[in-house]
């Protein structure tokens, strides 16, 4: 399978436009976030290139852009770590478990956009198709859903 060239440093810089807090250099915690994010993006792109055809690789990049844009300004509970890191780490857990299904990877990249941002199921469906929209819906916590443990 031939691979289109994806310039990962350029992609990282582009994602920086949506979540600049990740890539601000200077203090040590932000440098750590930058290094973690870069490593995760490289891993996702490398996996995409190794396992997916060109149109699927393009959709992976589109999903990364979409997730970064939608999660702009959203942080983890520590109010410092960009939420996008959670998204990237989730995808890399799947990769580590040898999950190389294109639709599952895309769904993992955008799994929290409907729950945590202004994105809608319709928007996800229009951009990524009905199967991915359904997976995202299944992963979304609904406000009227009460989780029962036990």
Protein backbone atom coordinates (compact mmCIF):
# COMPACT_ATOMS: atom_id res chain seq x y z
CA UNK A 1 0.00 0.00 0.00
CA UNK A 2 1.63 3.27 -1.05
CA UNK A 3 1.42 6.08 1.42
CA UNK A 4 0.80 9.77 0.84
CA UNK A 5 3.23 11.99 2.62
CA UNK A 6 1.71 13.56 5.70
CA UNK A 7 3.94 16.21 7.12
CA UNK A 8 3.35 15.54 10.80
CA UNK A 9 5.19 18.65 12.10
CA UNK A 10 2.96 20.77 9.84
CA UNK A 11 -0.12 18.91 11.09
CA UNK A 12 0.96 19.50 14.70
CA UNK A 13 1.41 23.20 13.96
CA UNK A 14 -2.05 23.29 12.38
CA UNK A 15 -3.61 21.61 15.41
CA UNK A 16 -1.77 24.18 17.53
CA UNK A 17 -4.01 26.85 16.00
CA UNK A 18 -6.99 25.23 17.75
CA UNK A 19 -5.31 24.22 21.01
CA UNK A 20 -2.31 26.51 21.39
CA UNK A 21 -1.92 25.69 25.06
CA UNK A 22 -0.52 22.30 24.10
CA UNK A 23 2.35 23.72 22.17
CA UNK A 24 3.40 26.76 24.19
CA UNK A 25 7.00 26.21 25.10
CA UNK A 26 8.74 27.53 28.12
CA UNK A 27 7.60 25.92 31.31
CA UNK A 28 8.23 22.23 31.93
CA UNK A 29 4.61 20.98 32.20
CA UNK A 30 3.71 22.51 28.84
CA UNK A 31 6.86 21.04 27.29
CA UNK A 32 5.76 17.64 28.57
CA UNK A 33 2.29 18.16 27.03
CA UNK A 34 3.94 19.15 23.75
CA UNK A 35 6.13 16.06 23.72
CA UNK A 36 3.25 13.73 24.64
CA UNK A 37 0.98 15.22 22.01
CA UNK A 38 3.61 15.07 19.28
CA UNK A 39 4.42 11.44 20.07
CA UNK A 40 0.74 10.44 20.03
CA UNK A 41 0.04 12.22 16.74
CA UNK A 42 3.07 10.58 15.12
CA UNK A 43 1.86 7.18 16.32
CA UNK A 44 -1.66 7.73 14.97
CA UNK A 45 -0.39 8.92 11.58
CA UNK A 46 2.15 6.09 11.30
CA UNK A 47 -0.54 3.52 12.11
CA UNK A 48 -2.93 5.12 9.64
CA UNK A 49 -0.32 4.97 6.90
CA UNK A 50 0.50 1.35 7.65
CA UNK A 51 -3.08 0.06 7.78
CA UNK A 52 -5.43 2.32 5.83
CA UNK A 53 -5.87 3.30 2.17
CA UNK A 54 -5.41 6.93 1.12
CA UNK A 55 -9.03 8.11 1.54
CA UNK A 56 -9.13 6.55 5.00
CA UNK A 57 -5.84 8.20 5.95
CA UNK A 58 -7.29 11.53 4.86
CA UNK A 59 -10.33 10.92 7.07
CA UNK A 60 -8.07 10.18 10.04
CA UNK A 61 -6.36 13.55 9.52
CA UNK A 62 -9.76 15.21 9.09
CA UNK A 63 -10.92 13.63 12.35
CA UNK A 64 -7.81 14.90 14.15
CA UNK A 65 -8.47 18.40 12.83
CA UNK A 66 -12.15 18.18 13.76
CA UNK A 67 -11.42 16.94 17.30
CA UNK A 68 -8.75 19.60 17.85
CA UNK A 69 -11.04 22.36 16.58
CA UNK A 70 -14.04 21.21 18.60
CA UNK A 71 -12.02 20.73 21.79
CA UNK A 72 -10.33 24.12 21.56
CA UNK A 73 -10.18 25.75 24.96
CA UNK A 74 -11.36 22.62 26.80
CA UNK A 75 -9.13 21.24 29.53
CA UNK A 76 -9.00 18.19 31.78
CA UNK A 77 -10.07 18.54 35.41
CA UNK A 78 -6.61 19.86 36.30
CA UNK A 79 -7.50 22.95 34.20
CA UNK A 80 -4.09 22.75 32.58
CA UNK A 81 -3.97 19.65 30.39
CA UNK A 82 -5.72 20.12 27.05
CA UNK A 83 -8.61 17.70 26.60
CA UNK A 84 -7.26 16.72 23.20
CA UNK A 85 -4.56 14.71 24.98
CA UNK A 86 -7.26 12.39 26.35
CA UNK A 87 -8.59 11.87 22.84
CA UNK A 88 -5.15 11.05 21.43
CA UNK A 89 -4.32 8.74 24.33
CA UNK A 90 -7.59 6.85 23.82
CA UNK A 91 -6.76 6.24 20.17
CA UNK A 92 -3.26 5.04 21.06
CA UNK A 93 -4.65 2.57 23.59
CA UNK A 94 -6.63 1.01 20.74
CA UNK A 95 -3.53 0.98 18.54
CA UNK A 96 -1.54 -0.70 21.32
CA UNK A 97 -4.26 -3.35 21.49
CA UNK A 98 -3.88 -3.92 17.72
CA UNK A 99 -7.23 -2.40 16.81
CA UNK A 100 -6.70 -1.34 13.23
CA UNK A 101 -10.28 -0.84 12.11
CA UNK A 102 -10.55 2.49 10.34
CA UNK A 103 -14.05 3.31 11.63
CA UNK A 104 -13.14 2.44 15.21
CA UNK A 105 -10.04 4.66 15.06
CA UNK A 106 -12.03 7.58 13.63
CA UNK A 107 -14.73 7.05 16.26
CA UNK A 108 -12.11 7.08 19.01
CA UNK A 109 -10.64 10.33 17.71
CA UNK A 110 -14.02 12.07 17.83
CA UNK A 111 -15.61 10.05 20.63
CA UNK A 112 -16.25 13.01 22.93
CA UNK A 113 -17.14 15.78 20.48
CA UNK A 114 -20.91 15.36 20.82
CA UNK A 115 -20.71 14.97 24.59
CA UNK A 116 -18.30 17.80 25.35
CA UNK A 117 -18.57 20.34 22.53
CA UNK A 118 -21.12 22.01 20.29
CA UNK A 119 -20.82 19.24 17.69
CA UNK A 120 -24.01 17.40 16.82
CA UNK A 121 -24.67 13.81 15.82
CA UNK A 122 -25.89 15.13 12.46
CA UNK A 123 -22.61 16.99 11.92
CA UNK A 124 -20.62 13.85 12.75
CA UNK A 125 -22.79 11.79 10.42
CA UNK A 126 -22.40 14.24 7.54
CA UNK A 127 -18.61 14.36 7.92
CA UNK A 128 -17.82 10.76 8.82
CA UNK A 129 -20.82 8.62 7.89
CA UNK A 130 -23.63 6.89 9.72
CA UNK A 131 -21.60 3.99 11.16
CA UNK A 132 -19.08 6.29 12.82
CA UNK A 133 -21.89 8.58 14.02
CA UNK A 134 -23.61 5.57 15.61
CA UNK A 135 -20.41 4.44 17.34
CA UNK A 136 -19.87 7.97 18.67
CA UNK A 137 -23.47 8.06 19.86
CA UNK A 138 -22.99 4.77 21.72
CA UNK A 139 -19.88 6.19 23.41
CA UNK A 140 -21.62 9.43 24.40
CA UNK A 141 -22.91 9.82 27.96
CA UNK A 142 -26.45 11.07 27.79
CA UNK A 143 -27.59 13.52 30.48
CA UNK A 144 -30.70 11.48 31.28
CA UNK A 145 -28.73 8.22 31.53
CA UNK A 146 -28.08 6.96 35.05
CA UNK A 147 -25.26 4.47 35.32
CA UNK A 148 -26.01 1.70 37.77
CA UNK A 149 -23.06 -0.09 39.25
CA UNK A 150 -23.24 -3.58 40.65
